Full PDB file with SEQRES, HELIX, SHEET, SSBOND, CRYST1, ORIGX, SCALE, CONECT and MASTER records, all heavy atoms in Angstrom:
SEQRES   1 A   35  GLU ASP GLY SER GLU THR ASP MET THR SER PHE ASP GLY          
SEQRES   2 A   35  SER ALA PRO MET GLU ALA ARG PHE VAL ALA ASN PRO THR          
SEQRES   3 A   35  ASP ILE GLY ASP TYR THR PRO TYR TYR                          
CRYST1    1.000    1.000    1.000  90.00  90.00  90.00 P 1           1          
ORIGX1      1.000000  0.000000  0.000000        0.00000                         
ORIGX2      0.000000  1.000000  0.000000        0.00000                         
ORIGX3      0.000000  0.000000  1.000000        0.00000                         
SCALE1      1.000000  0.000000  0.000000        0.00000                         
SCALE2      0.000000  1.000000  0.000000        0.00000                         
SCALE3      0.000000  0.000000  1.000000        0.00000                         
ATOM      1  N   GLU A   1     -16.122  -2.265  -0.819  1.00  0.00           N  
ATOM      2  CA  GLU A   1     -17.489  -1.545  -0.850  1.00  0.00           C  
ATOM      3  C   GLU A   1     -17.955  -1.130   0.536  1.00  0.00           C  
ATOM      4  O   GLU A   1     -18.591  -0.028   0.715  1.00  0.00           O  
ATOM      5  CB  GLU A   1     -18.522  -2.322  -1.615  1.00  0.00           C  
ATOM      6  CG  GLU A   1     -18.296  -2.397  -3.030  1.00  0.00           C  
ATOM      7  CD  GLU A   1     -19.386  -3.142  -3.815  1.00  0.00           C  
ATOM      8  OE1 GLU A   1     -20.449  -3.557  -3.125  1.00  0.00           O  
ATOM      9  OE2 GLU A   1     -19.287  -3.336  -5.056  1.00  0.00           O  
ATOM     10  N   ASP A   2     -17.551  -1.992   1.523  1.00  0.00           N  
ATOM     11  CA  ASP A   2     -18.101  -1.758   2.858  1.00  0.00           C  
ATOM     12  C   ASP A   2     -17.048  -0.776   3.658  1.00  0.00           C  
ATOM     13  O   ASP A   2     -17.246  -0.657   4.846  1.00  0.00           O  
ATOM     14  CB  ASP A   2     -18.248  -3.068   3.586  1.00  0.00           C  
ATOM     15  CG  ASP A   2     -17.051  -3.837   3.789  1.00  0.00           C  
ATOM     16  OD1 ASP A   2     -15.989  -3.435   3.210  1.00  0.00           O  
ATOM     17  OD2 ASP A   2     -17.009  -4.972   4.359  1.00  0.00           O  
ATOM     18  N   GLY A   3     -16.086  -0.365   2.964  1.00  0.00           N  
ATOM     19  CA  GLY A   3     -15.158   0.514   3.584  1.00  0.00           C  
ATOM     20  C   GLY A   3     -13.917  -0.087   4.235  1.00  0.00           C  
ATOM     21  O   GLY A   3     -12.965   0.505   4.516  1.00  0.00           O  
ATOM     22  N   SER A   4     -13.914  -1.480   4.343  1.00  0.00           N  
ATOM     23  CA  SER A   4     -12.749  -2.186   4.828  1.00  0.00           C  
ATOM     24  C   SER A   4     -11.654  -2.238   3.781  1.00  0.00           C  
ATOM     25  O   SER A   4     -11.858  -2.009   2.555  1.00  0.00           O  
ATOM     26  CB  SER A   4     -13.140  -3.567   5.146  1.00  0.00           C  
ATOM     27  OG  SER A   4     -13.609  -4.372   4.059  1.00  0.00           O  
ATOM     28  N   GLU A   5     -10.426  -2.594   4.212  1.00  0.00           N  
ATOM     29  CA  GLU A   5      -9.334  -2.613   3.244  1.00  0.00           C  
ATOM     30  C   GLU A   5      -8.762  -4.093   3.238  1.00  0.00           C  
ATOM     31  O   GLU A   5      -8.838  -4.763   4.190  1.00  0.00           O  
ATOM     32  CB  GLU A   5      -8.250  -1.753   3.778  1.00  0.00           C  
ATOM     33  CG  GLU A   5      -8.476  -0.320   3.688  1.00  0.00           C  
ATOM     34  CD  GLU A   5      -7.270   0.612   4.076  1.00  0.00           C  
ATOM     35  OE1 GLU A   5      -6.527   0.257   4.915  1.00  0.00           O  
ATOM     36  OE2 GLU A   5      -7.108   1.576   3.317  1.00  0.00           O  
ATOM     37  N   THR A   6      -8.293  -4.531   1.996  1.00  0.00           N  
ATOM     38  CA  THR A   6      -7.770  -5.831   1.686  1.00  0.00           C  
ATOM     39  C   THR A   6      -6.312  -5.657   1.119  1.00  0.00           C  
ATOM     40  O   THR A   6      -6.064  -4.903   0.250  1.00  0.00           O  
ATOM     41  CB  THR A   6      -8.694  -6.578   0.851  1.00  0.00           C  
ATOM     42  OG1 THR A   6      -9.962  -6.742   1.276  1.00  0.00           O  
ATOM     43  CG2 THR A   6      -8.041  -8.025   0.556  1.00  0.00           C  
ATOM     44  N   ASP A   7      -5.377  -6.396   1.751  1.00  0.00           N  
ATOM     45  CA  ASP A   7      -4.064  -6.352   1.220  1.00  0.00           C  
ATOM     46  C   ASP A   7      -3.989  -7.226  -0.056  1.00  0.00           C  
ATOM     47  O   ASP A   7      -4.237  -8.395  -0.037  1.00  0.00           O  
ATOM     48  CB  ASP A   7      -3.266  -7.005   2.354  1.00  0.00           C  
ATOM     49  CG  ASP A   7      -1.678  -6.918   1.978  1.00  0.00           C  
ATOM     50  OD1 ASP A   7      -1.398  -6.405   0.992  1.00  0.00           O  
ATOM     51  OD2 ASP A   7      -0.888  -7.554   2.680  1.00  0.00           O  
ATOM     52  N   MET A   8      -3.614  -6.609  -1.095  1.00  0.00           N  
ATOM     53  CA  MET A   8      -3.560  -7.353  -2.465  1.00  0.00           C  
ATOM     54  C   MET A   8      -2.172  -7.032  -3.102  1.00  0.00           C  
ATOM     55  O   MET A   8      -1.574  -5.880  -2.905  1.00  0.00           O  
ATOM     56  CB  MET A   8      -4.748  -6.930  -3.341  1.00  0.00           C  
ATOM     57  CG  MET A   8      -6.027  -7.158  -2.853  1.00  0.00           C  
ATOM     58  SD  MET A   8      -7.381  -6.693  -4.073  1.00  0.00           S  
ATOM     59  CE  MET A   8      -8.834  -7.168  -3.287  1.00  0.00           C  
ATOM     60  N   THR A   9      -1.722  -7.893  -3.880  1.00  0.00           N  
ATOM     61  CA  THR A   9      -0.598  -7.638  -4.847  1.00  0.00           C  
ATOM     62  C   THR A   9      -1.079  -7.330  -6.288  1.00  0.00           C  
ATOM     63  O   THR A   9      -0.346  -6.758  -7.085  1.00  0.00           O  
ATOM     64  CB  THR A   9       0.281  -8.861  -4.863  1.00  0.00           C  
ATOM     65  OG1 THR A   9      -0.395  -9.990  -5.318  1.00  0.00           O  
ATOM     66  CG2 THR A   9       0.916  -9.110  -3.471  1.00  0.00           C  
ATOM     67  N   SER A  10      -2.283  -7.702  -6.607  1.00  0.00           N  
ATOM     68  CA  SER A  10      -2.845  -7.357  -7.837  1.00  0.00           C  
ATOM     69  C   SER A  10      -4.335  -7.140  -7.741  1.00  0.00           C  
ATOM     70  O   SER A  10      -4.917  -7.626  -6.779  1.00  0.00           O  
ATOM     71  CB  SER A  10      -2.519  -8.368  -8.912  1.00  0.00           C  
ATOM     72  OG  SER A  10      -3.178  -9.641  -8.588  1.00  0.00           O  
ATOM     73  N   PHE A  11      -4.970  -6.304  -8.717  1.00  0.00           N  
ATOM     74  CA  PHE A  11      -6.409  -6.088  -8.681  1.00  0.00           C  
ATOM     75  C   PHE A  11      -6.899  -6.183 -10.066  1.00  0.00           C  
ATOM     76  O   PHE A  11      -6.255  -5.598 -10.967  1.00  0.00           O  
ATOM     77  CB  PHE A  11      -6.650  -4.690  -8.118  1.00  0.00           C  
ATOM     78  CG  PHE A  11      -8.098  -4.213  -8.144  1.00  0.00           C  
ATOM     79  CD1 PHE A  11      -9.020  -4.597  -7.156  1.00  0.00           C  
ATOM     80  CD2 PHE A  11      -8.589  -3.534  -9.276  1.00  0.00           C  
ATOM     81  CE1 PHE A  11     -10.317  -4.122  -7.240  1.00  0.00           C  
ATOM     82  CE2 PHE A  11      -9.803  -3.069  -9.327  1.00  0.00           C  
ATOM     83  CZ  PHE A  11     -10.757  -3.365  -8.251  1.00  0.00           C  
ATOM     84  N   ASP A  12      -8.063  -6.747 -10.288  1.00  0.00           N  
ATOM     85  CA  ASP A  12      -8.685  -6.817 -11.586  1.00  0.00           C  
ATOM     86  C   ASP A  12     -10.146  -6.703 -11.345  1.00  0.00           C  
ATOM     87  O   ASP A  12     -10.829  -7.464 -10.782  1.00  0.00           O  
ATOM     88  CB  ASP A  12      -8.521  -8.227 -12.270  1.00  0.00           C  
ATOM     89  CG  ASP A  12      -8.990  -8.348 -13.610  1.00  0.00           C  
ATOM     90  OD1 ASP A  12      -9.735  -7.275 -14.021  1.00  0.00           O  
ATOM     91  OD2 ASP A  12      -8.669  -9.317 -14.389  1.00  0.00           O  
ATOM     92  N   GLY A  13     -10.686  -5.409 -11.662  1.00  0.00           N  
ATOM     93  CA  GLY A  13     -12.094  -5.084 -11.410  1.00  0.00           C  
ATOM     94  C   GLY A  13     -12.559  -3.822 -11.955  1.00  0.00           C  
ATOM     95  O   GLY A  13     -11.881  -3.310 -12.974  1.00  0.00           O  
ATOM     96  N   SER A  14     -13.396  -3.229 -11.261  1.00  0.00           N  
ATOM     97  CA  SER A  14     -14.150  -2.018 -11.808  1.00  0.00           C  
ATOM     98  C   SER A  14     -13.552  -0.781 -11.047  1.00  0.00           C  
ATOM     99  O   SER A  14     -13.079  -0.808 -10.033  1.00  0.00           O  
ATOM    100  CB  SER A  14     -15.585  -2.158 -11.442  1.00  0.00           C  
ATOM    101  OG  SER A  14     -16.464  -1.046 -11.820  1.00  0.00           O  
ATOM    102  N   ALA A  15     -13.799   0.375 -11.771  1.00  0.00           N  
ATOM    103  CA  ALA A  15     -13.439   1.657 -11.195  1.00  0.00           C  
ATOM    104  C   ALA A  15     -14.736   2.338 -10.664  1.00  0.00           C  
ATOM    105  O   ALA A  15     -15.879   1.935 -10.986  1.00  0.00           O  
ATOM    106  CB  ALA A  15     -12.898   2.599 -12.270  1.00  0.00           C  
ATOM    107  N   PRO A  16     -14.737   3.214  -9.704  1.00  0.00           N  
ATOM    108  CA  PRO A  16     -13.401   3.780  -9.068  1.00  0.00           C  
ATOM    109  C   PRO A  16     -12.851   2.765  -8.130  1.00  0.00           C  
ATOM    110  O   PRO A  16     -13.623   2.093  -7.365  1.00  0.00           O  
ATOM    111  CB  PRO A  16     -13.859   5.033  -8.485  1.00  0.00           C  
ATOM    112  CG  PRO A  16     -15.280   4.840  -8.092  1.00  0.00           C  
ATOM    113  CD  PRO A  16     -15.836   4.047  -9.213  1.00  0.00           C  
ATOM    114  N   MET A  17     -11.447   2.623  -8.160  1.00  0.00           N  
ATOM    115  CA  MET A  17     -10.777   1.705  -7.241  1.00  0.00           C  
ATOM    116  C   MET A  17      -9.861   2.573  -6.358  1.00  0.00           C  
ATOM    117  O   MET A  17      -9.044   3.262  -6.780  1.00  0.00           O  
ATOM    118  CB  MET A  17     -10.052   0.730  -7.843  1.00  0.00           C  
ATOM    119  CG  MET A  17      -9.527  -0.432  -6.949  1.00  0.00           C  
ATOM    120  SD  MET A  17      -7.921   0.016  -6.189  1.00  0.00           S  
ATOM    121  CE  MET A  17      -6.735  -0.645  -7.336  1.00  0.00           C  
ATOM    122  N   GLU A  18     -10.160   2.565  -5.021  1.00  0.00           N  
ATOM    123  CA  GLU A  18      -9.438   3.332  -4.070  1.00  0.00           C  
ATOM    124  C   GLU A  18      -8.258   2.455  -3.407  1.00  0.00           C  
ATOM    125  O   GLU A  18      -8.590   1.419  -2.995  1.00  0.00           O  
ATOM    126  CB  GLU A  18     -10.219   3.883  -2.931  1.00  0.00           C  
ATOM    127  CG  GLU A  18     -11.388   4.668  -3.345  1.00  0.00           C  
ATOM    128  CD  GLU A  18     -11.025   6.026  -4.139  1.00  0.00           C  
ATOM    129  OE1 GLU A  18      -9.928   6.473  -3.852  1.00  0.00           O  
ATOM    130  OE2 GLU A  18     -11.894   6.492  -4.864  1.00  0.00           O  
ATOM    131  N   ALA A  19      -7.025   2.768  -3.491  1.00  0.00           N  
ATOM    132  CA  ALA A  19      -5.856   2.023  -3.000  1.00  0.00           C  
ATOM    133  C   ALA A  19      -4.926   2.927  -2.234  1.00  0.00           C  
ATOM    134  O   ALA A  19      -4.799   4.064  -2.400  1.00  0.00           O  
ATOM    135  CB  ALA A  19      -5.068   1.390  -4.153  1.00  0.00           C  
ATOM    136  N   ARG A  20      -4.304   2.222  -1.240  1.00  0.00           N  
ATOM    137  CA  ARG A  20      -3.415   2.920  -0.308  1.00  0.00           C  
ATOM    138  C   ARG A  20      -2.068   2.068  -0.369  1.00  0.00           C  
ATOM    139  O   ARG A  20      -2.135   0.827  -0.216  1.00  0.00           O  
ATOM    140  CB  ARG A  20      -3.945   3.014   1.104  1.00  0.00           C  
ATOM    141  CG  ARG A  20      -3.086   3.790   2.151  1.00  0.00           C  
ATOM    142  CD  ARG A  20      -3.869   3.942   3.453  1.00  0.00           C  
ATOM    143  NE  ARG A  20      -4.224   2.767   4.075  1.00  0.00           N  
ATOM    144  CZ  ARG A  20      -3.557   1.998   4.904  1.00  0.00           C  
ATOM    145  NH1 ARG A  20      -2.356   2.375   5.202  1.00  0.00           N  
ATOM    146  NH2 ARG A  20      -3.998   0.748   5.438  1.00  0.00           N  
ATOM    147  N   PHE A  21      -1.014   2.720  -0.644  1.00  0.00           N  
ATOM    148  CA  PHE A  21       0.201   2.112  -0.855  1.00  0.00           C  
ATOM    149  C   PHE A  21       1.161   2.480   0.421  1.00  0.00           C  
ATOM    150  O   PHE A  21       1.330   3.668   0.610  1.00  0.00           O  
ATOM    151  CB  PHE A  21       0.999   2.569  -2.090  1.00  0.00           C  
ATOM    152  CG  PHE A  21       0.135   2.101  -3.322  1.00  0.00           C  
ATOM    153  CD1 PHE A  21      -0.835   3.058  -3.839  1.00  0.00           C  
ATOM    154  CD2 PHE A  21       0.289   0.855  -3.977  1.00  0.00           C  
ATOM    155  CE1 PHE A  21      -1.660   2.705  -4.992  1.00  0.00           C  
ATOM    156  CE2 PHE A  21      -0.536   0.519  -5.131  1.00  0.00           C  
ATOM    157  CZ  PHE A  21      -1.507   1.419  -5.534  1.00  0.00           C  
ATOM    158  N   VAL A  22       1.702   1.517   0.972  1.00  0.00           N  
ATOM    159  CA  VAL A  22       2.528   1.559   2.216  1.00  0.00           C  
ATOM    160  C   VAL A  22       3.892   1.016   1.924  1.00  0.00           C  
ATOM    161  O   VAL A  22       3.998  -0.194   1.583  1.00  0.00           O  
ATOM    162  CB  VAL A  22       1.828   1.014   3.451  1.00  0.00           C  
ATOM    163  CG1 VAL A  22       2.586   1.352   4.660  1.00  0.00           C  
ATOM    164  CG2 VAL A  22       0.406   1.509   3.496  1.00  0.00           C  
ATOM    165  N   ALA A  23       4.964   1.790   2.332  1.00  0.00           N  
ATOM    166  CA  ALA A  23       6.318   1.159   2.083  1.00  0.00           C  
ATOM    167  C   ALA A  23       6.789   0.187   3.048  1.00  0.00           C  
ATOM    168  O   ALA A  23       7.487  -0.679   2.728  1.00  0.00           O  
ATOM    169  CB  ALA A  23       7.327   2.497   2.053  1.00  0.00           C  
ATOM    170  N   ASN A  24       6.470   0.384   4.345  1.00  0.00           N  
ATOM    171  CA  ASN A  24       6.939  -0.492   5.446  1.00  0.00           C  
ATOM    172  C   ASN A  24       8.450  -0.748   5.410  1.00  0.00           C  
ATOM    173  O   ASN A  24       8.881  -1.900   5.206  1.00  0.00           O  
ATOM    174  CB  ASN A  24       6.188  -1.912   5.411  1.00  0.00           C  
ATOM    175  CG  ASN A  24       4.728  -1.748   5.635  1.00  0.00           C  
ATOM    176  OD1 ASN A  24       4.250  -0.960   6.406  1.00  0.00           O  
ATOM    177  ND2 ASN A  24       4.017  -2.456   4.844  1.00  0.00           N  
ATOM    178  N   PRO A  25       9.296   0.377   5.566  1.00  0.00           N  
ATOM    179  CA  PRO A  25      10.655   0.133   5.581  1.00  0.00           C  
ATOM    180  C   PRO A  25      11.138  -0.695   6.767  1.00  0.00           C  
ATOM    181  O   PRO A  25      10.482  -0.580   7.780  1.00  0.00           O  
ATOM    182  CB  PRO A  25      11.257   1.551   5.633  1.00  0.00           C  
ATOM    183  CG  PRO A  25      10.145   2.390   6.338  1.00  0.00           C  
ATOM    184  CD  PRO A  25       8.852   1.719   5.822  1.00  0.00           C  
ATOM    185  N   THR A  26      12.210  -1.439   6.602  1.00  0.00           N  
ATOM    186  CA  THR A  26      12.743  -2.171   7.783  1.00  0.00           C  
ATOM    187  C   THR A  26      14.295  -1.928   7.908  1.00  0.00           C  
ATOM    188  O   THR A  26      14.978  -1.547   6.980  1.00  0.00           O  
ATOM    189  CB  THR A  26      12.607  -3.662   7.480  1.00  0.00           C  
ATOM    190  OG1 THR A  26      13.247  -4.060   6.324  1.00  0.00           O  
ATOM    191  CG2 THR A  26      11.069  -4.048   7.415  1.00  0.00           C  
ATOM    192  N   ASP A  27      14.750  -2.138   9.224  1.00  0.00           N  
ATOM    193  CA  ASP A  27      16.281  -1.913   9.511  1.00  0.00           C  
ATOM    194  C   ASP A  27      16.746  -0.578   8.943  1.00  0.00           C  
ATOM    195  O   ASP A  27      17.893  -0.660   8.326  1.00  0.00           O  
ATOM    196  CB  ASP A  27      16.965  -3.180   9.029  1.00  0.00           C  
ATOM    197  CG  ASP A  27      16.484  -4.511   9.601  1.00  0.00           C  
ATOM    198  OD1 ASP A  27      16.383  -4.439  10.899  1.00  0.00           O  
ATOM    199  OD2 ASP A  27      16.145  -5.396   8.777  1.00  0.00           O  
ATOM    200  N   ILE A  28      16.116   0.495   9.126  1.00  0.00           N  
ATOM    201  CA  ILE A  28      16.613   1.714   8.559  1.00  0.00           C  
ATOM    202  C   ILE A  28      17.802   2.167   9.299  1.00  0.00           C  
ATOM    203  O   ILE A  28      18.834   2.698   8.667  1.00  0.00           O  
ATOM    204  CB  ILE A  28      15.492   2.868   8.660  1.00  0.00           C  
ATOM    205  CG1 ILE A  28      14.291   2.519   7.772  1.00  0.00           C  
ATOM    206  CG2 ILE A  28      16.078   4.153   8.354  1.00  0.00           C  
ATOM    207  CD1 ILE A  28      13.216   3.627   7.980  1.00  0.00           C  
ATOM    208  N   GLY A  29      17.884   2.029  10.569  1.00  0.00           N  
ATOM    209  CA  GLY A  29      19.114   2.335  11.290  1.00  0.00           C  
ATOM    210  C   GLY A  29      19.350   3.836  11.240  1.00  0.00           C  
ATOM    211  O   GLY A  29      18.398   4.601  11.344  1.00  0.00           O  
ATOM    212  N   ASP A  30      20.543   4.218  10.905  1.00  0.00           N  
ATOM    213  CA  ASP A  30      20.876   5.687  10.757  1.00  0.00           C  
ATOM    214  C   ASP A  30      20.712   6.160   9.371  1.00  0.00           C  
ATOM    215  O   ASP A  30      21.224   7.333   8.983  1.00  0.00           O  
ATOM    216  CB  ASP A  30      22.451   5.877  11.207  1.00  0.00           C  
ATOM    217  CG  ASP A  30      22.681   5.612  12.665  1.00  0.00           C  
ATOM    218  OD1 ASP A  30      21.656   5.850  13.407  1.00  0.00           O  
ATOM    219  OD2 ASP A  30      23.763   5.104  12.959  1.00  0.00           O  
ATOM    220  N   TYR A  31      20.223   5.319   8.496  1.00  0.00           N  
ATOM    221  CA  TYR A  31      19.899   5.741   7.071  1.00  0.00           C  
ATOM    222  C   TYR A  31      18.725   6.628   6.982  1.00  0.00           C  
ATOM    223  O   TYR A  31      17.726   6.486   7.730  1.00  0.00           O  
ATOM    224  CB  TYR A  31      19.884   4.472   6.178  1.00  0.00           C  
ATOM    225  CG  TYR A  31      21.084   3.738   5.812  1.00  0.00           C  
ATOM    226  CD1 TYR A  31      21.528   2.770   6.734  1.00  0.00           C  
ATOM    227  CD2 TYR A  31      21.816   4.057   4.745  1.00  0.00           C  
ATOM    228  CE1 TYR A  31      22.695   2.089   6.422  1.00  0.00           C  
ATOM    229  CE2 TYR A  31      23.003   3.297   4.444  1.00  0.00           C  
ATOM    230  CZ  TYR A  31      23.409   2.407   5.284  1.00  0.00           C  
ATOM    231  OH  TYR A  31      24.584   1.677   5.023  1.00  0.00           O  
ATOM    232  N   THR A  32      18.730   7.472   5.964  1.00  0.00           N  
ATOM    233  CA  THR A  32      17.563   8.354   5.641  1.00  0.00           C  
ATOM    234  C   THR A  32      16.911   7.803   4.323  1.00  0.00           C  
ATOM    235  O   THR A  32      17.499   7.717   3.314  1.00  0.00           O  
ATOM    236  CB  THR A  32      17.940   9.772   5.448  1.00  0.00           C  
ATOM    237  OG1 THR A  32      18.539  10.328   6.615  1.00  0.00           O  
ATOM    238  CG2 THR A  32      16.718  10.579   5.053  1.00  0.00           C  
ATOM    239  N   PRO A  33      15.672   7.361   4.381  1.00  0.00           N  
ATOM    240  CA  PRO A  33      15.017   6.777   3.205  1.00  0.00           C  
ATOM    241  C   PRO A  33      14.423   7.834   2.441  1.00  0.00           C  
ATOM    242  O   PRO A  33      13.820   8.819   2.791  1.00  0.00           O  
ATOM    243  CB  PRO A  33      13.896   5.862   3.850  1.00  0.00           C  
ATOM    244  CG  PRO A  33      13.530   6.491   5.043  1.00  0.00           C  
ATOM    245  CD  PRO A  33      14.802   7.181   5.593  1.00  0.00           C  
ATOM    246  N   TYR A  34      14.561   7.633   1.019  1.00  0.00           N  
ATOM    247  CA  TYR A  34      13.856   8.651   0.101  1.00  0.00           C  
ATOM    248  C   TYR A  34      13.039   7.730  -0.874  1.00  0.00           C  
ATOM    249  O   TYR A  34      13.550   6.853  -1.610  1.00  0.00           O  
ATOM    250  CB  TYR A  34      15.044   9.350  -0.742  1.00  0.00           C  
ATOM    251  CG  TYR A  34      15.853  10.354   0.051  1.00  0.00           C  
ATOM    252  CD1 TYR A  34      17.019   9.874   0.617  1.00  0.00           C  
ATOM    253  CD2 TYR A  34      15.353  11.604   0.248  1.00  0.00           C  
ATOM    254  CE1 TYR A  34      17.708  10.797   1.414  1.00  0.00           C  
ATOM    255  CE2 TYR A  34      16.144  12.563   1.100  1.00  0.00           C  
ATOM    256  CZ  TYR A  34      17.299  12.064   1.636  1.00  0.00           C  
ATOM    257  OH  TYR A  34      18.136  12.929   2.375  1.00  0.00           O  
ATOM    258  N   TYR A  35      11.664   7.989  -0.746  1.00  0.00           N  
ATOM    259  CA  TYR A  35      10.729   7.063  -1.445  1.00  0.00           C  
ATOM    260  C   TYR A  35      10.417   7.525  -2.852  1.00  0.00           C  
ATOM    261  O   TYR A  35      10.356   8.862  -2.959  1.00  0.00           O  
ATOM    262  CB  TYR A  35       9.523   6.946  -0.539  1.00  0.00           C  
ATOM    263  CG  TYR A  35       9.738   6.414   0.818  1.00  0.00           C  
ATOM    264  CD1 TYR A  35       9.916   7.346   1.867  1.00  0.00           C  
ATOM    265  CD2 TYR A  35       9.892   5.204   1.138  1.00  0.00           C  
ATOM    266  CE1 TYR A  35      10.110   6.996   3.158  1.00  0.00           C  
ATOM    267  CE2 TYR A  35      10.199   4.734   2.502  1.00  0.00           C  
ATOM    268  CZ  TYR A  35      10.279   5.594   3.438  1.00  0.00           C  
ATOM    269  OH  TYR A  35      10.590   5.196   4.705  1.00  0.00           O  
TER     270      TYR A  35                                                      
MASTER        0    0    0    0    0    0    0    6  269    1    0    3          
END                                                                             
């Protein structure tokens, strides 16, 4: 509610709920990722 963000693996609550999902790929090297 105060605009800060919390890292969660699950959420149980009220709408509207705003979420941001980040992949955080690792060790990509010469590979091309398709999300």
